[in-house]
Protein backbone atom coordinates (compact mmCIF):
# COMPACT_ATOMS: atom_id res chain seq x y z
CA MET A 1 -13.61 14.88 26.96
CA ASP A 2 -12.76 12.03 29.31
CA THR A 3 -9.61 10.05 28.58
CA VAL A 4 -7.51 7.46 30.36
CA TRP A 5 -3.92 8.14 31.47
CA LEU A 6 -3.26 11.18 29.21
CA SER A 7 -5.31 14.23 28.27
CA GLY A 8 -6.98 14.46 24.85
CA ALA A 9 -4.29 16.89 23.66
CA GLU A 10 -1.56 14.53 24.83
CA TRP A 11 -3.15 11.59 22.97
CA VAL A 12 -3.24 13.66 19.77
CA ALA A 13 0.45 14.48 20.34
CA VAL A 14 1.10 10.73 20.70
CA LEU A 15 -0.50 10.25 17.26
CA ARG A 16 1.70 13.03 15.83
CA ILE A 17 4.88 11.56 17.31
CA GLY A 18 3.92 8.04 16.19
CA LEU A 19 3.34 9.33 12.66
CA GLY A 20 6.74 11.02 12.80
CA LEU A 21 8.33 7.73 13.82
CA TRP A 22 6.58 6.05 10.88
CA TRP A 23 8.03 8.63 8.45
CA LEU A 24 11.44 8.29 10.07
CA GLU A 25 11.30 4.52 9.60
CA SER A 26 10.33 5.03 5.94
CA TRP A 27 13.49 7.10 5.57
CA ARG A 28 15.70 4.76 7.64
CA HIS A 29 14.92 1.57 5.76
CA LYS A 30 15.47 3.04 2.28
CA ASP A 31 18.54 1.84 0.41
CA LYS A 32 20.00 5.33 0.01
CA LYS A 33 22.90 4.13 -2.12
CA GLY A 34 20.39 2.49 -4.45
CA TRP A 35 18.19 5.59 -4.57
CA PHE A 36 21.00 8.11 -5.02
CA GLU A 37 23.62 6.25 -7.05
CA ARG A 38 21.66 3.67 -9.05
CA GLY A 39 18.28 5.44 -9.22
CA THR A 40 16.38 2.38 -8.03
CA GLY A 41 13.51 4.22 -6.32
CA ILE A 42 12.71 6.51 -9.21
CA ALA A 43 13.15 3.67 -11.74
CA TRP A 44 10.66 1.57 -9.77
CA ALA A 45 8.20 4.48 -9.64
CA ALA A 46 8.67 5.09 -13.39
CA ASP A 47 7.75 1.46 -14.05
CA VAL A 48 4.62 1.78 -11.90
CA ALA A 49 3.64 5.11 -13.50
CA GLY A 50 4.24 3.72 -17.00
CA LYS A 51 1.67 0.95 -16.43
CA HIS A 52 -0.81 3.11 -14.50
CA LYS A 53 -4.49 2.93 -15.46
CA TRP A 54 -4.86 6.73 -15.19
CA GLY A 55 -3.10 8.55 -18.01
CA PHE A 56 -2.50 11.71 -15.98
CA VAL A 57 -0.21 9.75 -13.64
CA LYS A 58 2.08 8.65 -16.48
CA THR A 59 1.97 12.13 -18.06
CA GLY A 60 2.69 13.88 -14.76
CA PHE A 61 5.54 11.52 -13.96
CA THR A 62 7.02 11.94 -17.44
CA LYS A 63 6.89 15.75 -17.22
CA VAL A 64 7.88 16.29 -13.59
CA VAL A 65 9.95 13.37 -12.32
CA GLU A 66 11.53 11.69 -15.33
CA PRO A 67 13.60 14.72 -16.49
CA ARG A 68 15.24 15.04 -13.04
CA PRO A 69 15.52 11.59 -11.46
CA LYS A 70 18.48 12.36 -9.18
CA ALA A 71 16.90 15.51 -7.75
CA MET A 72 13.60 13.72 -7.24
CA ALA A 73 15.31 10.86 -5.42
CA TYR A 74 16.84 13.33 -2.99
CA ILE A 75 13.53 15.19 -2.61
CA VAL A 76 11.58 12.01 -1.79
CA VAL A 77 14.13 10.55 0.60
CA TYR A 78 14.85 13.75 2.49
CA ALA A 79 11.20 14.79 2.55
CA GLU A 80 10.50 11.63 4.54
CA LEU A 81 13.34 12.47 6.94
CA ALA A 82 12.14 16.08 7.34
CA LEU A 83 8.57 14.95 7.96
CA GLY A 84 9.70 12.42 10.55
CA LEU A 85 11.88 14.85 12.47
CA GLY A 86 9.39 17.70 12.21
CA LEU A 87 6.54 15.59 13.58
CA ILE A 88 8.56 13.93 16.33
CA LEU A 89 9.96 17.25 17.54
CA GLY A 90 6.76 19.15 16.83
CA PHE A 91 8.59 21.74 14.74
CA LEU A 92 6.64 23.48 11.95
CA THR A 93 4.05 20.84 12.69
CA PRO A 94 1.13 22.10 10.55
CA ILE A 95 3.47 22.42 7.56
CA ALA A 96 4.82 18.90 8.15
CA LEU A 97 1.30 17.49 8.49
CA ILE A 98 0.09 19.13 5.26
CA GLY A 99 3.29 18.06 3.47
CA GLY A 100 2.82 14.51 4.72
CA LEU A 101 -0.79 14.49 3.57
CA LEU A 102 0.30 15.59 0.10
CA LEU A 103 3.09 13.02 -0.07
CA ASN A 104 0.72 10.26 1.09
CA LEU A 105 -1.78 11.38 -1.55
CA LEU A 106 0.90 11.16 -4.24
CA TYR A 107 1.92 7.70 -3.03
CA LEU A 108 -1.75 6.65 -2.83
CA VAL A 109 -2.45 7.72 -6.42
CA LEU A 110 0.76 6.20 -7.80
CA MET A 111 0.20 2.89 -6.00
CA ILE A 112 -3.54 2.61 -6.72
CA HIS A 113 -3.21 -1.15 -7.43
CA ASP A 114 -1.21 -2.10 -4.32
CA TRP A 115 -3.61 -2.79 -1.42
CA ALA A 116 -0.88 -2.97 1.22
CA GLU A 117 0.47 0.39 0.12
CA GLN A 118 -3.06 1.82 0.03
CA GLY A 119 -3.70 0.84 3.64
CA GLN A 120 -0.47 2.40 4.88
CA ASN A 121 -1.02 5.66 3.01
CA ALA A 122 -4.68 5.86 4.00
CA MET A 123 -3.84 5.38 7.69
CA MET A 124 -0.94 7.84 7.58
CA GLY A 125 -3.26 10.34 5.88
CA LEU A 126 -5.96 9.81 8.52
CA ILE A 127 -3.46 10.35 11.34
CA SER A 128 -2.18 13.50 9.61
CA PHE A 129 -5.74 14.78 9.30
CA VAL A 130 -6.56 14.12 12.97
CA ALA A 131 -3.23 15.58 14.13
CA LEU A 132 -3.74 18.68 11.97
CA PHE A 133 -7.30 19.43 13.05
CA GLY A 134 -6.56 18.32 16.61
CA MET A 135 -3.78 20.95 16.60
CA SER A 136 -1.28 18.38 17.85
CA TRP A 137 1.48 21.00 18.17
CA GLN A 138 -0.15 22.31 21.36
CA THR A 139 1.51 19.59 23.46
CA TRP A 140 5.05 18.21 23.59
CA SER A 141 6.31 20.31 20.70
CA LEU A 142 8.96 22.88 19.87
CA ASP A 143 6.19 24.89 18.18
CA ASN A 144 4.46 25.27 21.54
CA ALA A 145 7.70 25.91 23.42
CA ILE A 146 8.70 28.80 21.13
CA GLY A 147 5.19 30.11 20.53
CA LEU A 148 4.68 29.20 16.88
CA PHE A 149 1.17 28.64 15.56
């Protein structure tokens, strides 16, 4: 493979790190006080799920998220932080990439009517897919430095 400036493996690592920065920004810009103290994030998601055109989304939300809104707020917010740090540092990278794919899929299904949200989640999913199958932890990563994966 011919590339310009960086090797192919380094370009895939750039994608991984960029995706990590994207997740970190998702975490950074959240109103944590609103999410944790007032439940704004989960309340917003409950409203979206309640109006969803697919019944399984409302049912799943009602059974899994609604009974534990505070715990779910912490899970969502800190999952984004963990994904961002894991991808930037290249630590447990395949796990972070699969976790990110799953979280993007959940967001994609929940926000099926929001085209802007769909584009973001589709692109983040595509980058996760390329970084996973391109084995992006081979370059510029703690995984490589300590011999994981």
